[in-house]
Amino acid sequence: MQTDQQSALISWREETQSAWLYRVLADCETESVRARLFADLAREADAQALIWAAHAGSNVPEFHPGTRARAVAMLVRWFGPRPLRQVLAAMKVRGMSSYEPLYFTGAADGTSGHVMPLSVEDVGLRHRGLGGGNLRAAVFGANDGLVSNTSLIMGVAGATGDPGFILLSGCAGLLAGALSMAAGEYVSVRSQREFYEHQIALERKELEAYPEEEAEELALIYAARGMDLDEARGVARTMLEDPDHALDVLAREELGLNPDDLGSAVGAASFSFGAFSTGAVLPLLPFLLGHPSVPVAALVAAVGLFGVGAALSLFTGRRAMYGGLRMLAIGAGASTLTYLLGSWLGVALA
């Protein structure tokens, strides 16, 4: 019983803190529709806090926002809610998806017709980010490896003509860069996944405790994004009839998260390691194949730079020739500078 009361007290504090932050958002929001949304969500959070207070018994203290909540509120007052959406979501503040366009035009029975954007800027938005993500990441990862390791090899070649030392430096640069990229990607994706899982677990708990209040919150979000409130309530109730589907909808609409796209930290790290290594190994090929020639390495790197630049044109819309030459110029400039620096250091330290 004591454990249940402590759990209820934690939930009461979370809901009360959310209500406090909602009122801060309502005061700071310049758009009247969203200001009303946050004011309504504050009232919903107060109602949910009362439910948990009843479970907690007589142990409910007076609420005082914590240091973290006060810091977030201060940042919201300075910069506005939009730039702090991820931070607010982590603070259990819902409704951040109201800053995204509404792509549901169905009826209350859950059926939907053609999805229509609400403004010219929204045209095609639902297609953005679909496909090509891994390819884009691979191209940029290879580009990072190619430019950084080519510059390193040219810098070392400027300081010393020892092929063995150049090969050793290039291999060290490849491993150091690839491992650094992989470690950074692992920590980033793992942290994001833990955040998503924690938020979805909280949403599951709330859906079990007060489904009607969750449906009302969802309806308020839809209404803030342009839907008629009565229609939004019908849609929300229909969507939340199935518990599994309800959790998926709430994660997407209240939290702005995609449960199907949490990502694998190990997979992301491996992919990053492989992409960086692919680019970084190119200028090393002459040395690895027994032809230790700096000019040949520079030529191989130049071909690689042009190819990467041409591939990047797939994402920029520029002509492949322009993209290839631009990347070649950037890589050549970086390599030339490091070569000159290496030559200067080689003479100075001799």
Protein backbone atom coordinates (compact mmCIF):
# COMPACT_ATOMS: atom_id res chain seq x y z
CA MET A 1 0.00 0.00 0.00
CA GLN A 2 2.82 2.38 0.91
CA THR A 3 4.48 1.74 -2.46
CA ASP A 4 1.22 2.47 -4.31
CA GLN A 5 0.82 5.74 -2.44
CA GLN A 6 4.38 6.76 -3.23
CA SER A 7 3.83 5.96 -6.90
CA ALA A 8 0.60 7.96 -6.88
CA LEU A 9 2.41 10.86 -5.22
CA ILE A 10 5.08 10.84 -7.95
CA SER A 11 2.37 10.85 -10.62
CA TRP A 12 0.55 13.68 -8.81
CA ARG A 13 3.71 15.77 -8.81
CA GLU A 14 4.33 15.10 -12.51
CA GLU A 15 0.80 16.12 -13.46
CA THR A 16 0.89 19.20 -11.23
CA GLN A 17 4.23 20.23 -12.69
CA SER A 18 2.83 19.71 -16.21
CA ALA A 19 -0.14 21.92 -15.36
CA TRP A 20 2.22 24.62 -14.07
CA LEU A 21 4.29 24.47 -17.27
CA TYR A 22 1.16 24.50 -19.44
CA ARG A 23 0.17 27.80 -17.84
CA VAL A 24 3.63 29.19 -18.52
CA LEU A 25 3.24 28.15 -22.16
CA ALA A 26 -0.22 29.66 -22.36
CA ASP A 27 1.14 32.98 -21.05
CA CYS A 28 4.08 32.94 -23.50
CA GLU A 29 2.27 31.69 -26.60
CA THR A 30 1.45 34.55 -28.97
CA GLU A 31 -1.02 32.53 -31.05
CA SER A 32 -4.44 32.49 -29.41
CA VAL A 33 -5.38 28.97 -30.57
CA ARG A 34 -2.30 27.41 -29.00
CA ALA A 35 -2.64 29.59 -25.91
CA ARG A 36 -6.15 28.17 -25.42
CA LEU A 37 -4.82 24.66 -26.07
CA PHE A 38 -2.23 24.96 -23.31
CA ALA A 39 -4.75 26.51 -20.93
CA ASP A 40 -7.13 23.60 -21.60
CA LEU A 41 -4.32 21.08 -21.17
CA ALA A 42 -3.47 22.74 -17.85
CA ARG A 43 -7.04 22.13 -16.66
CA GLU A 44 -6.86 18.51 -17.87
CA ALA A 45 -3.57 18.01 -16.04
CA ASP A 46 -5.11 19.49 -12.87
CA ALA A 47 -7.97 17.02 -13.15
CA GLN A 48 -5.56 14.12 -13.59
CA ALA A 49 -3.51 15.38 -10.63
CA LEU A 50 -6.64 15.21 -8.47
CA ILE A 51 -7.08 11.55 -9.42
CA TRP A 52 -3.55 10.75 -8.29
CA ALA A 53 -3.97 12.88 -5.17
CA ALA A 54 -6.94 10.73 -4.18
CA HIS A 55 -4.79 7.59 -4.56
CA ALA A 56 -1.97 9.19 -2.56
CA GLY A 57 -4.22 9.75 0.45
CA SER A 58 -3.29 12.47 2.95
CA ASN A 59 0.38 12.63 1.94
CA VAL A 60 -0.02 15.30 -0.74
CA PRO A 61 2.23 18.30 0.03
CA GLU A 62 2.00 21.82 -1.30
CA PHE A 63 3.38 22.00 -4.84
CA HIS A 64 6.50 24.01 -5.61
CA PRO A 65 8.08 23.74 -9.08
CA GLY A 66 11.52 22.22 -9.05
CA THR A 67 14.75 23.81 -10.23
CA ARG A 68 14.61 22.08 -13.60
CA ALA A 69 11.01 23.16 -14.23
CA ARG A 70 11.85 26.75 -13.29
CA ALA A 71 14.86 26.71 -15.63
CA VAL A 72 12.74 25.38 -18.51
CA ALA A 73 10.06 27.98 -17.80
CA MET A 74 12.70 30.72 -17.88
CA LEU A 75 13.98 29.47 -21.26
CA VAL A 76 10.43 29.35 -22.61
CA ARG A 77 9.87 32.96 -21.56
CA TRP A 78 13.10 33.97 -23.29
CA PHE A 79 12.89 31.98 -26.51
CA GLY A 80 9.27 30.86 -26.80
CA PRO A 81 7.88 27.31 -26.78
CA ARG A 82 8.70 26.26 -30.37
CA PRO A 83 12.53 26.02 -30.06
CA LEU A 84 12.16 24.05 -26.81
CA ARG A 85 9.76 21.37 -28.01
CA GLN A 86 12.08 18.43 -27.24
CA VAL A 87 12.91 19.82 -23.81
CA LEU A 88 9.24 20.34 -23.00
CA ALA A 89 8.36 16.84 -24.19
CA ALA A 90 10.99 15.47 -21.82
CA MET A 91 9.27 17.44 -19.04
CA LYS A 92 6.01 15.55 -19.73
CA VAL A 93 4.43 18.49 -21.54
CA ARG A 94 2.04 17.34 -24.26
CA GLY A 95 0.73 19.17 -27.29
CA MET A 96 4.08 19.86 -28.94
CA SER A 97 2.74 18.26 -32.14
CA SER A 98 0.38 21.24 -32.39
CA TYR A 99 3.34 23.01 -34.01
CA GLU A 100 3.08 20.55 -36.89
CA PRO A 101 0.44 20.76 -39.65
CA LEU A 102 -2.69 18.65 -39.34
CA TYR A 103 -2.80 15.78 -41.82
CA PHE A 104 -6.06 14.20 -40.81
CA THR A 105 -9.24 15.20 -42.54
CA GLY A 106 -11.31 12.12 -41.75
CA ALA A 107 -14.74 11.91 -40.22
CA ALA A 108 -15.56 10.92 -36.67
CA ASP A 109 -15.97 7.29 -37.71
CA GLY A 110 -12.22 7.10 -38.30
CA THR A 111 -12.39 7.03 -42.08
CA SER A 112 -10.24 9.47 -43.95
CA GLY A 113 -10.26 10.93 -47.37
CA HIS A 114 -7.47 12.70 -49.20
CA VAL A 115 -5.03 14.29 -46.78
CA MET A 116 -4.87 18.01 -47.44
CA PRO A 117 -2.22 20.49 -46.30
CA LEU A 118 -3.41 23.57 -44.45
CA SER A 119 -1.01 26.03 -46.08
CA VAL A 120 1.24 26.38 -49.10
CA GLU A 121 4.29 25.68 -46.91
CA ASP A 122 2.77 22.35 -45.88
CA VAL A 123 2.47 20.99 -49.43
CA GLY A 124 4.47 17.78 -49.63
CA LEU A 125 5.52 17.97 -45.99
CA ARG A 126 4.25 14.48 -45.21
CA HIS A 127 6.61 13.11 -47.87
CA ARG A 128 9.70 14.82 -46.48
CA GLY A 129 12.16 12.57 -44.75
CA LEU A 130 10.70 9.45 -46.40
CA GLY A 131 13.35 7.32 -48.01
CA GLY A 132 16.95 8.18 -48.75
CA GLY A 133 17.82 8.77 -45.10
CA ASN A 134 20.39 5.97 -44.88
CA LEU A 135 21.79 6.81 -48.29
CA ARG A 136 22.21 10.45 -47.32
CA ALA A 137 23.89 9.48 -44.05
CA ALA A 138 26.22 7.10 -45.90
CA VAL A 139 27.27 9.77 -48.39
CA PHE A 140 27.93 12.36 -45.69
CA GLY A 141 29.77 9.83 -43.53
CA ALA A 142 32.00 8.81 -46.42
CA ASN A 143 32.60 12.47 -47.21
CA ASP A 144 33.71 13.16 -43.63
CA GLY A 145 36.11 10.23 -43.70
CA LEU A 146 37.52 11.11 -47.08
CA VAL A 147 38.15 14.80 -46.40
CA SER A 148 39.54 14.35 -42.88
CA ASN A 149 41.84 11.44 -43.65
CA THR A 150 43.07 12.91 -46.94
CA SER A 151 43.93 16.12 -45.11
CA LEU A 152 45.71 14.14 -42.39
CA ILE A 153 47.72 12.10 -44.89
CA MET A 154 48.70 15.21 -46.87
CA GLY A 155 49.73 16.97 -43.68
CA VAL A 156 51.93 14.06 -42.61
CA ALA A 157 53.33 13.74 -46.16
CA GLY A 158 54.29 17.40 -46.01
CA ALA A 159 56.25 16.80 -42.83
CA THR A 160 57.91 13.51 -43.76
CA GLY A 161 58.35 11.38 -46.87
CA ASP A 162 58.42 8.09 -44.92
CA PRO A 163 55.70 5.88 -46.50
CA GLY A 164 55.48 3.73 -43.41
CA PHE A 165 54.83 6.70 -41.17
CA ILE A 166 52.23 8.06 -43.61
CA LEU A 167 50.46 4.67 -43.69
CA LEU A 168 50.53 4.41 -39.90
CA SER A 169 49.14 7.93 -39.51
CA GLY A 170 46.42 7.30 -42.08
CA CYS A 171 45.34 4.05 -40.40
CA ALA A 172 45.32 5.76 -37.01
CA GLY A 173 43.25 8.61 -38.45
CA LEU A 174 40.80 6.14 -39.98
CA LEU A 175 40.32 4.20 -36.76
CA ALA A 176 40.19 7.27 -34.53
CA GLY A 177 37.68 9.05 -36.75
CA ALA A 178 35.49 6.00 -37.37
CA LEU A 179 35.42 5.02 -33.69
CA SER A 180 34.66 8.60 -32.67
CA MET A 181 31.81 8.81 -35.17
CA ALA A 182 30.45 5.43 -34.08
CA ALA A 183 30.64 6.29 -30.37
CA GLY A 184 28.93 9.63 -30.90
CA GLU A 185 26.19 8.05 -32.99
CA TYR A 186 25.65 5.28 -30.42
CA VAL A 187 25.30 7.70 -27.52
CA SER A 188 23.01 9.99 -29.54
CA VAL A 189 20.64 7.27 -30.76
CA ARG A 190 20.66 5.39 -27.45
CA SER A 191 19.82 8.55 -25.50
CA GLN A 192 17.03 9.38 -27.93
CA ARG A 193 15.66 5.85 -27.72
CA GLU A 194 15.69 5.91 -23.90
CA PHE A 195 13.83 9.23 -23.99
CA TYR A 196 11.23 7.81 -26.40
CA GLU A 197 10.77 4.63 -24.38
CA HIS A 198 10.35 6.56 -21.14
CA GLN A 199 7.79 8.92 -22.65
CA ILE A 200 5.81 6.08 -24.25
CA ALA A 201 5.81 4.17 -20.94
CA LEU A 202 4.40 7.24 -19.19
CA GLU A 203 1.74 7.55 -21.88
CA ARG A 204 0.76 3.88 -21.45
CA LYS A 205 0.38 4.39 -17.72
CA GLU A 206 -1.78 7.47 -18.18
CA LEU A 207 -3.94 5.79 -20.82
CA GLU A 208 -4.70 2.96 -18.39
CA ALA A 209 -5.41 5.35 -15.50
CA TYR A 210 -7.68 7.88 -17.25
CA PRO A 211 -8.57 7.10 -20.88
CA GLU A 212 -11.32 9.72 -21.12
CA GLU A 213 -8.97 12.51 -20.10
CA GLU A 214 -6.39 11.30 -22.64
CA ALA A 215 -9.04 11.34 -25.36
CA GLU A 216 -9.93 14.91 -24.43
CA GLU A 217 -6.27 15.95 -24.59
CA LEU A 218 -5.95 14.42 -28.04
CA ALA A 219 -9.13 16.19 -29.18
CA LEU A 220 -7.77 19.53 -27.94
CA ILE A 221 -4.57 19.01 -29.92
CA TYR A 222 -6.52 18.23 -33.10
CA ALA A 223 -8.71 21.27 -32.51
CA ALA A 224 -5.63 23.49 -32.08
CA ARG A 225 -4.41 22.24 -35.44
CA GLY A 226 -7.55 23.23 -37.30
CA MET A 227 -10.22 20.58 -36.72
CA ASP A 228 -13.69 21.31 -35.36
CA LEU A 229 -13.69 20.46 -31.64
CA ASP A 230 -16.77 18.22 -31.73
CA GLU A 231 -15.42 16.34 -34.72
CA ALA A 232 -12.03 16.11 -33.02
CA ARG A 233 -13.62 14.53 -29.94
CA GLY A 234 -15.35 11.93 -32.10
CA VAL A 235 -12.13 11.15 -33.94
CA ALA A 236 -10.16 10.91 -30.69
CA ARG A 237 -12.66 8.53 -29.06
CA THR A 238 -12.68 6.32 -32.14
CA MET A 239 -8.91 6.23 -32.36
CA LEU A 240 -8.47 5.31 -28.70
CA GLU A 241 -10.90 2.37 -28.68
CA ASP A 242 -8.08 -0.12 -29.33
CA PRO A 243 -5.41 0.13 -26.56
CA ASP A 244 -2.44 -0.68 -28.80
CA HIS A 245 -3.60 1.69 -31.52
CA ALA A 246 -4.40 4.29 -28.87
CA LEU A 247 -0.85 4.22 -27.51
CA ASP A 248 0.55 4.56 -31.02
CA VAL A 249 -1.72 7.54 -31.78
CA LEU A 250 -0.95 9.29 -28.48
CA ALA A 251 2.79 8.83 -28.96
CA ARG A 252 2.58 10.40 -32.41
CA GLU A 253 0.10 13.17 -31.69
CA GLU A 254 0.79 14.15 -28.08
CA LEU A 255 4.51 13.44 -27.97
CA GLY A 256 5.41 13.91 -31.62
CA LEU A 257 7.20 10.52 -31.55
CA ASN A 258 7.11 7.66 -34.03
CA PRO A 259 7.18 4.34 -32.10
CA ASP A 260 8.17 2.52 -35.30
CA ASP A 261 11.23 4.70 -35.78
CA LEU A 262 13.10 4.47 -32.48
CA GLY A 263 16.23 3.24 -34.21
CA SER A 264 18.98 0.87 -33.14
CA ALA A 265 21.98 2.41 -31.39
CA VAL A 266 24.24 -0.49 -32.41
CA GLY A 267 22.99 -0.35 -35.99
CA ALA A 268 23.50 3.40 -36.21
CA ALA A 269 27.00 3.13 -34.74
CA SER A 270 27.95 0.32 -37.13
CA PHE A 271 26.56 2.20 -40.10
CA SER A 272 28.45 5.36 -39.12
CA PHE A 273 31.69 3.41 -38.60
CA GLY A 274 31.36 1.74 -42.00
CA ALA A 275 30.50 4.94 -43.88
CA PHE A 276 33.39 6.91 -42.38
CA SER A 277 35.84 4.06 -42.95
CA THR A 278 34.79 3.73 -46.59
CA GLY A 279 35.75 7.32 -47.29
CA ALA A 280 38.83 7.34 -45.07
CA VAL A 281 40.37 4.25 -46.69
CA LEU A 282 40.44 5.72 -50.22
CA PRO A 283 43.60 7.87 -49.86
CA LEU A 284 45.27 4.91 -48.11
CA LEU A 285 44.69 2.47 -50.96
CA PRO A 286 48.03 3.09 -52.77
CA PHE A 287 49.93 2.46 -49.53
CA LEU A 288 47.87 -0.62 -48.64
CA LEU A 289 48.32 -2.09 -52.13
CA GLY A 290 52.10 -1.70 -52.09
CA HIS A 291 52.40 1.47 -54.20
CA PRO A 292 53.25 4.12 -51.58
CA SER A 293 52.93 7.25 -53.67
CA VAL A 294 51.58 10.51 -52.29
CA PRO A 295 50.62 11.83 -55.77
CA VAL A 296 48.68 8.61 -56.50
CA ALA A 297 46.97 8.88 -53.10
CA ALA A 298 46.05 12.49 -53.93
CA LEU A 299 44.65 11.37 -57.29
CA VAL A 300 42.55 8.59 -55.72
CA ALA A 301 41.27 11.05 -53.12
CA ALA A 302 40.44 13.59 -55.85
CA VAL A 303 38.38 11.01 -57.74
CA GLY A 304 36.62 10.08 -54.51
CA LEU A 305 35.90 13.72 -53.64
CA PHE A 306 34.42 14.36 -57.07
CA GLY A 307 32.26 11.21 -56.76
CA VAL A 308 31.00 12.17 -53.30
CA GLY A 309 30.20 15.70 -54.48
CA ALA A 310 28.29 14.31 -57.46
CA ALA A 311 26.38 11.95 -55.16
CA LEU A 312 25.47 14.85 -52.85
CA SER A 313 23.83 16.57 -55.82
CA LEU A 314 21.08 13.96 -55.47
CA PHE A 315 20.03 15.73 -52.28
CA THR A 316 20.75 19.34 -53.23
CA GLY A 317 19.19 19.39 -56.69
CA ARG A 318 22.38 20.85 -58.17
CA ARG A 319 24.04 19.48 -61.26
CA ALA A 320 26.37 16.55 -60.60
CA MET A 321 29.32 18.30 -62.30
CA TYR A 322 28.88 21.37 -60.09
CA GLY A 323 28.60 19.27 -56.93
CA GLY A 324 31.62 17.17 -57.82
CA LEU A 325 33.85 20.13 -58.65
CA ARG A 326 32.78 22.02 -55.54
CA MET A 327 33.62 19.09 -53.26
CA LEU A 328 36.90 18.56 -55.11
CA ALA A 329 37.80 22.22 -54.54
CA ILE A 330 36.93 22.01 -50.84
CA GLY A 331 38.93 18.83 -50.33
CA ALA A 332 41.87 20.14 -52.34
CA GLY A 333 41.90 23.35 -50.34
CA ALA A 334 41.88 21.51 -47.01
CA SER A 335 44.58 19.07 -48.15
CA THR A 336 46.78 21.85 -49.51
CA LEU A 337 46.61 23.79 -46.26
CA THR A 338 47.48 20.75 -44.16
CA TYR A 339 50.31 19.83 -46.55
CA LEU A 340 51.78 23.34 -46.26
CA LEU A 341 51.39 23.25 -42.49
CA GLY A 342 53.05 19.84 -42.36
CA SER A 343 55.92 21.07 -44.53
CA TRP A 344 56.44 24.06 -42.26
CA LEU A 345 56.38 21.93 -39.14
CA GLY A 346 58.71 19.38 -40.74
CA VAL A 347 61.29 22.09 -41.43
CA ALA A 348 60.80 23.81 -38.08
CA LEU A 349 61.21 20.61 -36.08
CA ALA A 350 64.10 19.22 -38.15
